[in-house]
PDB file of N, CA and C in Angstrom:
ATOM      1  N   UNK A   1     -14.279   4.859   0.342  1.00  0.00           N
ATOM      2  CA  UNK A   1     -13.291   4.021   1.066  1.00  0.00           C
ATOM      3  C   UNK A   1     -13.783   2.561   1.124  1.00  0.00           C
ATOM      4  N   UNK A   2     -12.780   1.727   0.841  1.00  0.00           N
ATOM      5  CA  UNK A   2     -12.988   0.257   0.985  1.00  0.00           C
ATOM      6  C   UNK A   2     -12.420  -0.241   2.264  1.00  0.00           C
ATOM      7  N   UNK A   3     -12.961  -1.235   2.811  1.00  0.00           N
ATOM      8  CA  UNK A   3     -12.590  -1.782   4.121  1.00  0.00           C
ATOM      9  C   UNK A   3     -11.718  -3.033   3.880  1.00  0.00           C
ATOM     10  N   UNK A   4     -11.364  -3.378   2.609  1.00  0.00           N
ATOM     11  CA  UNK A   4     -10.404  -4.504   2.390  1.00  0.00           C
ATOM     12  C   UNK A   4      -9.490  -4.126   1.295  1.00  0.00           C
ATOM     13  N   UNK A   5      -8.319  -4.572   1.362  1.00  0.00           N
ATOM     14  CA  UNK A   5      -7.442  -4.209   0.347  1.00  0.00           C
ATOM     15  C   UNK A   5      -7.777  -4.736  -1.055  1.00  0.00           C
ATOM     16  N   UNK A   6      -7.553  -3.862  -2.077  1.00  0.00           N
ATOM     17  CA  UNK A   6      -8.014  -4.348  -3.405  1.00  0.00           C
ATOM     18  C   UNK A   6      -6.724  -4.870  -4.209  1.00  0.00           C
ATOM     19  N   UNK A   7      -6.851  -5.958  -4.814  1.00  0.00           N
ATOM     20  CA  UNK A   7      -5.867  -6.521  -5.696  1.00  0.00           C
ATOM     21  C   UNK A   7      -5.905  -5.835  -6.952  1.00  0.00           C
ATOM     22  N   UNK A   8      -4.778  -5.340  -7.511  1.00  0.00           N
ATOM     23  CA  UNK A   8      -4.560  -4.575  -8.705  1.00  0.00           C
ATOM     24  C   UNK A   8      -3.769  -5.532  -9.681  1.00  0.00           C
ATOM     25  N   UNK A   9      -4.138  -5.479 -10.903  1.00  0.00           N
ATOM     26  CA  UNK A   9      -3.611  -6.439 -11.947  1.00  0.00           C
ATOM     27  C   UNK A   9      -2.452  -6.024 -12.749  1.00  0.00           C
ATOM     28  N   UNK A  10      -2.330  -4.666 -12.831  1.00  0.00           N
ATOM     29  CA  UNK A  10      -1.267  -4.202 -13.691  1.00  0.00           C
ATOM     30  C   UNK A  10      -1.035  -2.562 -13.564  1.00  0.00           C
ATOM     31  N   UNK A  11      -0.187  -2.129 -14.287  1.00  0.00           N
ATOM     32  CA  UNK A  11       0.126  -0.587 -14.187  1.00  0.00           C
ATOM     33  C   UNK A  11      -1.069   0.243 -14.409  1.00  0.00           C
ATOM     34  N   UNK A  12      -1.949   0.012 -15.540  1.00  0.00           N
ATOM     35  CA  UNK A  12      -3.020   0.907 -15.624  1.00  0.00           C
ATOM     36  C   UNK A  12      -4.058   0.791 -14.632  1.00  0.00           C
ATOM     37  N   UNK A  13      -4.244  -0.300 -13.958  1.00  0.00           N
ATOM     38  CA  UNK A  13      -5.300  -0.551 -12.977  1.00  0.00           C
ATOM     39  C   UNK A  13      -4.699   0.244 -11.612  1.00  0.00           C
ATOM     40  N   UNK A  14      -3.270   0.066 -11.459  1.00  0.00           N
ATOM     41  CA  UNK A  14      -2.642   0.827 -10.394  1.00  0.00           C
ATOM     42  C   UNK A  14      -2.729   2.293 -10.508  1.00  0.00           C
ATOM     43  N   UNK A  15      -2.567   2.845 -11.744  1.00  0.00           N
ATOM     44  CA  UNK A  15      -2.651   4.297 -12.089  1.00  0.00           C
ATOM     45  C   UNK A  15      -4.071   4.745 -11.720  1.00  0.00           C
ATOM     46  N   UNK A  16      -5.159   4.014 -12.188  1.00  0.00           N
ATOM     47  CA  UNK A  16      -6.451   4.282 -11.998  1.00  0.00           C
ATOM     48  C   UNK A  16      -6.806   4.340 -10.454  1.00  0.00           C
ATOM     49  N   UNK A  17      -6.283   3.447  -9.681  1.00  0.00           N
ATOM     50  CA  UNK A  17      -6.506   3.219  -8.221  1.00  0.00           C
ATOM     51  C   UNK A  17      -5.865   4.588  -7.567  1.00  0.00           C
ATOM     52  N   UNK A  18      -4.649   4.832  -7.908  1.00  0.00           N
ATOM     53  CA  UNK A  18      -3.954   5.959  -7.245  1.00  0.00           C
ATOM     54  C   UNK A  18      -4.748   7.321  -7.565  1.00  0.00           C
ATOM     55  N   UNK A  19      -5.107   7.497  -8.856  1.00  0.00           N
ATOM     56  CA  UNK A  19      -5.806   8.618  -9.340  1.00  0.00           C
ATOM     57  C   UNK A  19      -7.234   8.795  -8.706  1.00  0.00           C
ATOM     58  N   UNK A  20      -7.971   7.741  -8.373  1.00  0.00           N
ATOM     59  CA  UNK A  20      -9.270   7.808  -7.849  1.00  0.00           C
ATOM     60  C   UNK A  20      -9.435   7.980  -6.411  1.00  0.00           C
ATOM     61  N   UNK A  21      -8.202   8.017  -5.688  1.00  0.00           N
ATOM     62  CA  UNK A  21      -8.222   8.108  -4.207  1.00  0.00           C
ATOM     63  C   UNK A  21      -7.405   9.343  -3.837  1.00  0.00           C
ATOM     64  N   UNK A  22      -7.870  10.169  -2.869  1.00  0.00           N
ATOM     65  CA  UNK A  22      -7.034  11.316  -2.423  1.00  0.00           C
ATOM     66  C   UNK A  22      -5.823  10.695  -1.692  1.00  0.00           C
ATOM     67  N   UNK A  23      -5.957   9.597  -0.953  1.00  0.00           N
ATOM     68  CA  UNK A  23      -4.840   9.072  -0.182  1.00  0.00           C
ATOM     69  C   UNK A  23      -4.968   7.624  -0.568  1.00  0.00           C
ATOM     70  N   UNK A  24      -3.966   6.891  -0.897  1.00  0.00           N
ATOM     71  CA  UNK A  24      -3.877   5.552  -1.222  1.00  0.00           C
ATOM     72  C   UNK A  24      -2.628   4.948  -0.766  1.00  0.00           C
ATOM     73  N   UNK A  25      -2.658   3.793  -0.149  1.00  0.00           N
ATOM     74  CA  UNK A  25      -1.439   3.043   0.307  1.00  0.00           C
ATOM     75  C   UNK A  25      -1.445   1.685  -0.671  1.00  0.00           C
ATOM     76  N   UNK A  26      -0.248   1.569  -1.269  1.00  0.00           N
ATOM     77  CA  UNK A  26      -0.081   0.357  -2.146  1.00  0.00           C
ATOM     78  C   UNK A  26       0.993  -0.512  -1.681  1.00  0.00           C
ATOM     79  N   UNK A  27       0.703  -1.793  -1.467  1.00  0.00           N
ATOM     80  CA  UNK A  27       1.669  -2.797  -1.174  1.00  0.00           C
ATOM     81  C   UNK A  27       2.184  -3.458  -2.397  1.00  0.00           C
ATOM     82  N   UNK A  28       3.460  -3.415  -2.706  1.00  0.00           N
ATOM     83  CA  UNK A  28       4.090  -4.217  -3.802  1.00  0.00           C
ATOM     84  C   UNK A  28       4.562  -5.422  -3.136  1.00  0.00           C
ATOM     85  N   UNK A  29       4.194  -6.524  -3.716  1.00  0.00           N
ATOM     86  CA  UNK A  29       4.446  -7.889  -3.155  1.00  0.00           C
ATOM     87  C   UNK A  29       4.854  -8.903  -4.310  1.00  0.00           C
ATOM     88  N   UNK A  30       5.256  -9.985  -3.930  1.00  0.00           N
ATOM     89  CA  UNK A  30       5.428 -11.090  -4.713  1.00  0.00           C
ATOM     90  C   UNK A  30       4.818 -12.324  -4.283  1.00  0.00           C
ATOM     91  N   UNK A  31       4.324 -13.212  -5.124  1.00  0.00           N
ATOM     92  CA  UNK A  31       3.477 -14.374  -4.890  1.00  0.00           C
ATOM     93  C   UNK A  31       4.223 -15.289  -3.911  1.00  0.00           C
ATOM     94  N   UNK A  32       5.615 -15.468  -3.970  1.00  0.00           N
ATOM     95  CA  UNK A  32       6.247 -16.489  -3.172  1.00  0.00           C
ATOM     96  C   UNK A  32       6.730 -15.887  -1.885  1.00  0.00           C
ATOM     97  N   UNK A  33       6.475 -14.687  -1.551  1.00  0.00           N
ATOM     98  CA  UNK A  33       6.957 -13.990  -0.295  1.00  0.00           C
ATOM     99  C   UNK A  33       6.139 -14.232   0.874  1.00  0.00           C
ATOM    100  N   UNK A  34       6.606 -14.905   1.792  1.00  0.00           N
ATOM    101  CA  UNK A  34       5.882 -15.216   3.120  1.00  0.00           C
ATOM    102  C   UNK A  34       5.664 -13.908   3.981  1.00  0.00           C
ATOM    103  N   UNK A  35       6.653 -13.012   3.879  1.00  0.00           N
ATOM    104  CA  UNK A  35       6.316 -11.681   4.581  1.00  0.00           C
ATOM    105  C   UNK A  35       5.222 -10.958   3.951  1.00  0.00           C
ATOM    106  N   UNK A  36       5.187 -10.985   2.653  1.00  0.00           N
ATOM    107  CA  UNK A  36       4.050 -10.292   1.933  1.00  0.00           C
ATOM    108  C   UNK A  36       2.805 -10.946   2.219  1.00  0.00           C
ATOM    109  N   UNK A  37       2.757 -12.258   2.155  1.00  0.00           N
ATOM    110  CA  UNK A  37       1.554 -12.932   2.590  1.00  0.00           C
ATOM    111  C   UNK A  37       0.998 -12.555   4.125  1.00  0.00           C
ATOM    112  N   UNK A  38       1.992 -12.426   4.939  1.00  0.00           N
ATOM    113  CA  UNK A  38       1.706 -12.067   6.326  1.00  0.00           C
ATOM    114  C   UNK A  38       1.157 -10.736   6.378  1.00  0.00           C
ATOM    115  N   UNK A  39       1.452  -9.844   5.508  1.00  0.00           N
ATOM    116  CA  UNK A  39       1.021  -8.483   5.378  1.00  0.00           C
ATOM    117  C   UNK A  39      -0.431  -8.403   5.135  1.00  0.00           C
ATOM    118  N   UNK A  40      -1.026  -9.277   4.379  1.00  0.00           N
ATOM    119  CA  UNK A  40      -2.403  -9.103   3.866  1.00  0.00           C
ATOM    120  C   UNK A  40      -3.327  -8.955   4.975  1.00  0.00           C
ATOM    121  N   UNK A  41      -3.457  -9.734   6.020  1.00  0.00           N
ATOM    122  CA  UNK A  41      -4.481  -9.427   7.114  1.00  0.00           C
ATOM    123  C   UNK A  41      -4.160  -8.141   7.830  1.00  0.00           C
ATOM    124  N   UNK A  42      -2.799  -7.846   8.016  1.00  0.00           N
ATOM    125  CA  UNK A  42      -2.573  -6.606   8.622  1.00  0.00           C
ATOM    126  C   UNK A  42      -3.039  -5.419   7.835  1.00  0.00           C
ATOM    127  N   UNK A  43      -2.967  -5.537   6.476  1.00  0.00           N
ATOM    128  CA  UNK A  43      -3.562  -4.462   5.646  1.00  0.00           C
ATOM    129  C   UNK A  43      -4.982  -4.358   5.711  1.00  0.00           C
ATOM    130  N   UNK A  44      -5.653  -5.463   5.815  1.00  0.00           N
ATOM    131  CA  UNK A  44      -7.075  -5.598   6.059  1.00  0.00           C
ATOM    132  C   UNK A  44      -7.480  -4.792   7.265  1.00  0.00           C
ATOM    133  N   UNK A  45      -6.819  -5.132   8.271  1.00  0.00           N
ATOM    134  CA  UNK A  45      -7.109  -4.478   9.647  1.00  0.00           C
ATOM    135  C   UNK A  45      -6.876  -2.908   9.530  1.00  0.00           C
ATOM    136  N   UNK A  46      -5.781  -2.567   8.899  1.00  0.00           N
ATOM    137  CA  UNK A  46      -5.405  -1.090   8.782  1.00  0.00           C
ATOM    138  C   UNK A  46      -6.627  -0.504   7.841  1.00  0.00           C
ATOM    139  N   UNK A  47      -7.035  -1.101   6.890  1.00  0.00           N
ATOM    140  CA  UNK A  47      -8.044  -0.455   5.965  1.00  0.00           C
ATOM    141  C   UNK A  47      -9.335  -0.349   6.738  1.00  0.00           C
ATOM    142  N   UNK A  48      -9.688  -1.195   7.619  1.00  0.00           N
ATOM    143  CA  UNK A  48     -10.948  -1.135   8.502  1.00  0.00           C
ATOM    144  C   UNK A  48     -10.720  -0.046   9.554  1.00  0.00           C
ATOM    145  N   UNK A  49      -9.536   0.269   9.968  1.00  0.00           N
ATOM    146  CA  UNK A  49      -9.338   1.098  11.136  1.00  0.00           C
ATOM    147  C   UNK A  49      -9.073   2.585  10.633  1.00  0.00           C
ATOM    148  N   UNK A  50      -8.739   2.775   9.379  1.00  0.00           N
ATOM    149  CA  UNK A  50      -8.355   4.134   8.961  1.00  0.00           C
ATOM    150  C   UNK A  50      -9.225   4.486   7.760  1.00  0.00           C
ATOM    151  N   UNK A  51      -9.067   5.696   7.259  1.00  0.00           N
ATOM    152  CA  UNK A  51      -9.634   6.126   6.088  1.00  0.00           C
ATOM    153  C   UNK A  51      -8.851   6.102   4.805  1.00  0.00           C
ATOM    154  N   UNK A  52      -7.867   5.211   4.843  1.00  0.00           N
ATOM    155  CA  UNK A  52      -7.028   5.015   3.714  1.00  0.00           C
ATOM    156  C   UNK A  52      -7.392   3.784   2.853  1.00  0.00           C
ATOM    157  N   UNK A  53      -7.523   4.092   1.672  1.00  0.00           N
ATOM    158  CA  UNK A  53      -7.806   2.952   0.630  1.00  0.00           C
ATOM    159  C   UNK A  53      -6.345   2.263   0.465  1.00  0.00           C
ATOM    160  N   UNK A  54      -6.413   0.869   0.308  1.00  0.00           N
ATOM    161  CA  UNK A  54      -5.235   0.124   0.109  1.00  0.00           C
ATOM    162  C   UNK A  54      -5.344  -0.819  -1.002  1.00  0.00           C
ATOM    163  N   UNK A  55      -4.240  -0.697  -1.857  1.00  0.00           N
ATOM    164  CA  UNK A  55      -4.315  -1.687  -3.024  1.00  0.00           C
ATOM    165  C   UNK A  55      -2.973  -2.468  -2.756  1.00  0.00           C
ATOM    166  N   UNK A  56      -3.097  -3.734  -3.578  1.00  0.00           N
ATOM    167  CA  UNK A  56      -1.842  -4.708  -3.517  1.00  0.00           C
ATOM    168  C   UNK A  56      -1.609  -5.016  -4.866  1.00  0.00           C
ATOM    169  N   UNK A  57      -0.212  -4.970  -5.335  1.00  0.00           N
ATOM    170  CA  UNK A  57       0.058  -5.313  -6.692  1.00  0.00           C
ATOM    171  C   UNK A  57       1.394  -6.155  -6.643  1.00  0.00           C
ATOM    172  N   UNK A  58       1.379  -7.049  -7.564  1.00  0.00           N
ATOM    173  CA  UNK A  58       2.574  -7.932  -7.775  1.00  0.00           C
ATOM    174  C   UNK A  58       3.292  -7.191  -8.966  1.00  0.00           C
ATOM    175  N   UNK A  59       4.394  -6.560  -8.715  1.00  0.00           N
ATOM    176  CA  UNK A  59       5.096  -6.031  -9.941  1.00  0.00           C
ATOM    177  C   UNK A  59       5.780  -6.903 -10.874  1.00  0.00           C
ATOM    178  N   UNK A  60       5.739  -8.273 -10.457  1.00  0.00           N
ATOM    179  CA  UNK A  60       6.173  -9.399 -11.289  1.00  0.00           C
ATOM    180  C   UNK A  60       5.260  -9.527 -12.500  1.00  0.00           C
ATOM    181  N   UNK A  61       4.067  -9.171 -12.240  1.00  0.00           N
ATOM    182  CA  UNK A  61       3.001  -9.251 -13.374  1.00  0.00           C
ATOM    183  C   UNK A  61       3.065  -8.172 -14.349  1.00  0.00           C
ATOM    184  N   UNK A  62       3.787  -7.070 -14.062  1.00  0.00           N
ATOM    185  CA  UNK A  62       3.943  -5.930 -14.891  1.00  0.00           C
ATOM    186  C   UNK A  62       5.249  -5.314 -14.559  1.00  0.00           C
ATOM    187  N   UNK A  63       6.417  -5.956 -15.115  1.00  0.00           N
ATOM    188  CA  UNK A  63       7.727  -5.845 -14.699  1.00  0.00           C
ATOM    189  C   UNK A  63       8.286  -4.311 -14.774  1.00  0.00           C
ATOM    190  N   UNK A  64       7.532  -3.578 -15.713  1.00  0.00           N
ATOM    191  CA  UNK A  64       7.909  -2.057 -15.753  1.00  0.00           C
ATOM    192  C   UNK A  64       7.703  -1.311 -14.448  1.00  0.00           C
ATOM    193  N   UNK A  65       6.752  -1.925 -13.560  1.00  0.00           N
ATOM    194  CA  UNK A  65       6.449  -1.262 -12.294  1.00  0.00           C
ATOM    195  C   UNK A  65       7.771  -1.294 -11.372  1.00  0.00           C
ATOM    196  N   UNK A  66       8.618  -2.356 -11.567  1.00  0.00           N
ATOM    197  CA  UNK A  66       9.718  -2.557 -10.655  1.00  0.00           C
ATOM    198  C   UNK A  66      10.710  -1.260 -10.876  1.00  0.00           C
ATOM    199  N   UNK A  67      10.985  -0.959 -12.021  1.00  0.00           N
ATOM    200  CA  UNK A  67      11.851   0.386 -12.340  1.00  0.00           C
ATOM    201  C   UNK A  67      11.003   1.716 -12.074  1.00  0.00           C
ATOM    202  N   UNK A  68       9.825   1.617 -12.594  1.00  0.00           N
ATOM    203  CA  UNK A  68       8.924   2.916 -12.315  1.00  0.00           C
ATOM    204  C   UNK A  68       8.815   3.296 -10.851  1.00  0.00           C
ATOM    205  N   UNK A  69       8.639   2.392 -10.039  1.00  0.00           N
ATOM    206  CA  UNK A  69       8.520   2.675  -8.643  1.00  0.00           C
ATOM    207  C   UNK A  69       9.763   2.322  -7.790  1.00  0.00           C
ATOM    208  N   UNK A  70      10.826   2.019  -8.349  1.00  0.00           N
ATOM    209  CA  UNK A  70      12.132   1.771  -7.685  1.00  0.00           C
ATOM    210  C   UNK A  70      11.939   0.702  -6.565  1.00  0.00           C
ATOM    211  N   UNK A  71      11.285  -0.494  -6.946  1.00  0.00           N
ATOM    212  CA  UNK A  71      10.987  -1.541  -5.940  1.00  0.00           C
ATOM    213  C   UNK A  71      12.352  -2.333  -5.884  1.00  0.00           C
ATOM    214  N   UNK A  72      12.902  -2.348  -4.752  1.00  0.00           N
ATOM    215  CA  UNK A  72      14.103  -3.088  -4.514  1.00  0.00           C
ATOM    216  C   UNK A  72      14.022  -4.225  -3.516  1.00  0.00           C
ATOM    217  N   UNK A  73      12.936  -4.259  -2.776  1.00  0.00           N
ATOM    218  CA  UNK A  73      12.584  -5.336  -1.943  1.00  0.00           C
ATOM    219  C   UNK A  73      11.038  -5.512  -1.762  1.00  0.00           C
ATOM    220  N   UNK A  74      10.606  -6.642  -1.247  1.00  0.00           N
ATOM    221  CA  UNK A  74       9.194  -6.787  -0.884  1.00  0.00           C
ATOM    222  C   UNK A  74       9.059  -7.366   0.405  1.00  0.00           C
ATOM    223  N   UNK A  75       8.011  -6.971   1.203  1.00  0.00           N
ATOM    224  CA  UNK A  75       7.039  -6.011   0.672  1.00  0.00           C
ATOM    225  C   UNK A  75       7.408  -4.673   0.793  1.00  0.00           C
ATOM    226  N   UNK A  76       6.912  -3.762  -0.125  1.00  0.00           N
ATOM    227  CA  UNK A  76       7.169  -2.269  -0.126  1.00  0.00           C
ATOM    228  C   UNK A  76       5.897  -1.664  -0.077  1.00  0.00           C
ATOM    229  N   UNK A  77       5.691  -0.688   0.959  1.00  0.00           N
ATOM    230  CA  UNK A  77       4.491   0.054   1.020  1.00  0.00           C
ATOM    231  C   UNK A  77       4.722   1.443   0.530  1.00  0.00           C
ATOM    232  N   UNK A  78       4.037   1.945  -0.484  1.00  0.00           N
ATOM    233  CA  UNK A  78       4.140   3.272  -1.008  1.00  0.00           C
ATOM    234  C   UNK A  78       2.864   4.076  -0.717  1.00  0.00           C
ATOM    235  N   UNK A  79       2.959   5.237  -0.167  1.00  0.00           N
ATOM    236  CA  UNK A  79       1.804   5.950   0.255  1.00  0.00           C
ATOM    237  C   UNK A  79       1.751   7.100  -0.765  1.00  0.00           C
ATOM    238  N   UNK A  80       0.515   7.335  -1.401  1.00  0.00           N
ATOM    239  CA  UNK A  80       0.249   8.348  -2.387  1.00  0.00           C
ATOM    240  C   UNK A  80      -0.876   9.303  -1.842  1.00  0.00           C
ATOM    241  N   UNK A  81      -0.500  10.582  -2.141  1.00  0.00           N
ATOM    242  CA  UNK A  81      -1.560  11.521  -1.786  1.00  0.00           C
ATOM    243  C   UNK A  81      -1.669  12.465  -3.032  1.00  0.00           C
ATOM    244  N   UNK A  82      -2.925  12.555  -3.492  1.00  0.00           N
ATOM    245  CA  UNK A  82      -3.338  13.353  -4.728  1.00  0.00           C
ATOM    246  C   UNK A  82      -2.370  12.905  -5.936  1.00  0.00           C
ATOM    247  N   UNK A  83      -2.265  11.640  -5.955  1.00  0.00           N
ATOM    248  CA  UNK A  83      -1.489  10.975  -7.130  1.00  0.00           C
ATOM    249  C   UNK A  83      -0.005  10.939  -7.075  1.00  0.00           C
ATOM    250  N   UNK A  84       0.472  11.576  -6.097  1.00  0.00           N
ATOM    251  CA  UNK A  84       2.105  11.509  -5.825  1.00  0.00           C
ATOM    252  C   UNK A  84       2.544  10.742  -4.764  1.00  0.00           C
ATOM    253  N   UNK A  85       3.619  10.061  -4.832  1.00  0.00           N
ATOM    254  CA  UNK A  85       4.269   9.337  -3.838  1.00  0.00           C
ATOM    255  C   UNK A  85       4.712  10.349  -2.705  1.00  0.00           C
ATOM    256  N   UNK A  86       4.295  10.190  -1.478  1.00  0.00           N
ATOM    257  CA  UNK A  86       4.722  11.085  -0.333  1.00  0.00           C
ATOM    258  C   UNK A  86       5.537  10.364   0.639  1.00  0.00           C
ATOM    259  N   UNK A  87       5.478   9.006   0.629  1.00  0.00           N
ATOM    260  CA  UNK A  87       6.366   8.259   1.633  1.00  0.00           C
ATOM    261  C   UNK A  87       6.408   6.706   1.189  1.00  0.00           C
ATOM    262  N   UNK A  88       7.326   6.169   1.711  1.00  0.00           N
ATOM    263  CA  UNK A  88       7.449   4.593   1.499  1.00  0.00           C
ATOM    264  C   UNK A  88       8.000   3.925   2.715  1.00  0.00           C
ATOM    265  N   UNK A  89       7.688   2.656   2.850  1.00  0.00           N
ATOM    266  CA  UNK A  89       8.205   1.848   3.951  1.00  0.00           C
ATOM    267  C   UNK A  89       8.631   0.481   3.207  1.00  0.00           C
ATOM    268  N   UNK A  90       9.955   0.226   3.300  1.00  0.00           N
ATOM    269  CA  UNK A  90      10.371  -0.928   2.759  1.00  0.00           C
ATOM    270  C   UNK A  90      11.244  -1.560   3.671  1.00  0.00           C
ATOM    271  N   UNK A  91      10.883  -1.943   4.782  1.00  0.00           N
ATOM    272  CA  UNK A  91      11.589  -2.515   5.822  1.00  0.00           C
ATOM    273  C   UNK A  91      11.092  -4.005   6.286  1.00  0.00           C
ATOM    274  N   UNK A  92      10.596  -4.734   5.360  1.00  0.00           N
ATOM    275  CA  UNK A  92       9.973  -5.913   5.656  1.00  0.00           C
ATOM    276  C   UNK A  92       8.654  -5.973   6.265  1.00  0.00           C
ATOM    277  N   UNK A  93       8.454  -7.070   7.061  1.00  0.00           N
ATOM    278  CA  UNK A  93       6.955  -7.179   7.579  1.00  0.00           C
ATOM    279  C   UNK A  93       6.866  -6.069   8.638  1.00  0.00           C
ATOM    280  N   UNK A  94       5.610  -5.355   8.659  1.00  0.00           N
ATOM    281  CA  UNK A  94       5.342  -4.350   9.537  1.00  0.00           C
ATOM    282  C   UNK A  94       3.921  -4.816  10.122  1.00  0.00           C
ATOM    283  N   UNK A  95       3.854  -4.738  11.467  1.00  0.00           N
ATOM    284  CA  UNK A  95       2.474  -4.962  12.190  1.00  0.00           C
ATOM    285  C   UNK A  95       1.691  -3.785  11.903  1.00  0.00           C
ATOM    286  N   UNK A  96       0.384  -4.069  12.276  1.00  0.00           N
ATOM    287  CA  UNK A  96      -0.668  -3.094  12.244  1.00  0.00           C
ATOM    288  C   UNK A  96      -0.467  -1.715  12.862  1.00  0.00           C
ATOM    289  N   UNK A  97       0.127  -1.763  13.995  1.00  0.00           N
ATOM    290  CA  UNK A  97       0.492  -0.462  14.725  1.00  0.00           C
ATOM    291  C   UNK A  97       1.516   0.275  13.941  1.00  0.00           C
ATOM    292  N   UNK A  98       2.571  -0.411  13.416  1.00  0.00           N
ATOM    293  CA  UNK A  98       3.644   0.164  12.676  1.00  0.00           C
ATOM    294  C   UNK A  98       3.079   0.942  11.401  1.00  0.00           C
ATOM    295  N   UNK A  99       2.183   0.196  10.649  1.00  0.00           N
ATOM    296  CA  UNK A  99       1.569   0.704   9.474  1.00  0.00           C
ATOM    297  C   UNK A  99       0.594   1.946   9.822  1.00  0.00           C
ATOM    298  N   UNK A 100      -0.209   1.823  10.876  1.00  0.00           N
ATOM    299  CA  UNK A 100      -1.098   2.886  11.270  1.00  0.00           C
ATOM    300  C   UNK A 100      -0.188   4.082  11.678  1.00  0.00           C
ATOM    301  N   UNK A 101       0.923   3.943  12.338  1.00  0.00           N
ATOM    302  CA  UNK A 101       1.852   5.055  12.783  1.00  0.00           C
ATOM    303  C   UNK A 101       2.384   5.733  11.640  1.00  0.00           C
ATOM    304  N   UNK A 102       2.867   4.844  10.665  1.00  0.00           N
ATOM    305  CA  UNK A 102       3.405   5.361   9.342  1.00  0.00           C
ATOM    306  C   UNK A 102       2.481   6.301   8.613  1.00  0.00           C
ATOM    307  N   UNK A 103       1.103   5.811   8.655  1.00  0.00           N
ATOM    308  CA  UNK A 103       0.065   6.599   8.042  1.00  0.00           C
ATOM    309  C   UNK A 103      -0.198   7.832   8.794  1.00  0.00           C
ATOM    310  N   UNK A 104      -0.315   7.684  10.115  1.00  0.00           N
ATOM    311  CA  UNK A 104      -0.567   8.942  10.951  1.00  0.00           C
ATOM    312  C   UNK A 104       0.572  10.024  10.861  1.00  0.00           C
ATOM    313  N   UNK A 105       1.779   9.598  10.609  1.00  0.00           N
ATOM    314  CA  UNK A 105       2.802  10.559  10.460  1.00  0.00           C
ATOM    315  C   UNK A 105       2.640  11.378   9.134  1.00  0.00           C
ATOM    316  N   UNK A 106       2.230  10.683   8.062  1.00  0.00           N
ATOM    317  CA  UNK A 106       2.222  11.302   6.706  1.00  0.00           C
ATOM    318  C   UNK A 106       0.872  11.800   6.356  1.00  0.00           C
ATOM    319  N   UNK A 107      -0.289  11.174   6.815  1.00  0.00           N
ATOM    320  CA  UNK A 107      -1.586  11.685   6.433  1.00  0.00           C
ATOM    321  C   UNK A 107      -2.488  11.611   7.717  1.00  0.00           C
ATOM    322  N   UNK A 108      -2.100  12.340   8.778  1.00  0.00           N
ATOM    323  CA  UNK A 108      -2.893  12.275   9.938  1.00  0.00           C
ATOM    324  C   UNK A 108      -4.349  12.403   9.862  1.00  0.00           C
ATOM    325  N   UNK A 109      -4.995  13.223   9.035  1.00  0.00           N
ATOM    326  CA  UNK A 109      -6.309  13.483   8.776  1.00  0.00           C
ATOM    327  C   UNK A 109      -7.008  12.111   8.188  1.00  0.00           C
ATOM    328  N   UNK A 110      -6.306  11.193   7.709  1.00  0.00           N
ATOM    329  CA  UNK A 110      -6.827  10.005   7.181  1.00  0.00           C
ATOM    330  C   UNK A 110      -6.994   8.902   8.273  1.00  0.00           C
ATOM    331  N   UNK A 111      -6.145   9.060   9.375  1.00  0.00           N
ATOM    332  CA  UNK A 111      -6.161   8.037  10.418  1.00  0.00           C
ATOM    333  C   UNK A 111      -7.091   8.459  11.523  1.00  0.00           C
ATOM    334  N   UNK A 112      -7.098   9.731  11.949  1.00  0.00           N
ATOM    335  CA  UNK A 112      -7.959  10.187  13.012  1.00  0.00           C
ATOM    336  C   UNK A 112      -7.554   9.697  14.230  1.00  0.00           C
ATOM    337  N   UNK A 113      -8.335   9.843  15.333  1.00  0.00           N
ATOM    338  CA  UNK A 113      -8.043   9.312  16.671  1.00  0.00           C
ATOM    339  C   UNK A 113      -9.134   8.483  17.149  1.00  0.00           C
ATOM    340  N   UNK A 114      -8.721   7.422  17.913  1.00  0.00           N
ATOM    341  CA  UNK A 114      -9.898   6.498  18.418  1.00  0.00           C
ATOM    342  C   UNK A 114      -9.988   6.639  19.847  1.00  0.00           C
TER     343      UNK A 114
END
């Protein structure tokens, strides 16, 4: 488990990240998106507070990812378990509690109780 989000550079690095973690949360962002920039510290806090590894990728750097993952807006958070998408959150900026609640709903064992 890492305590900070990992920047991913392209589709193959994304595939490796998803495959190497039982549970992974990936933020799809764009470089000019202020909501996406605001999500970065939130995701850092979530990474430290949960057992969920978090990756961040700009699908503009690998445009095939836009269609492959059906990215229609950013930021989009996609939750993977055992290599498969199990949930997504594409409703703009989300605070730490909202992201943690999203994770607790879908992978409660990775969040735990404090």
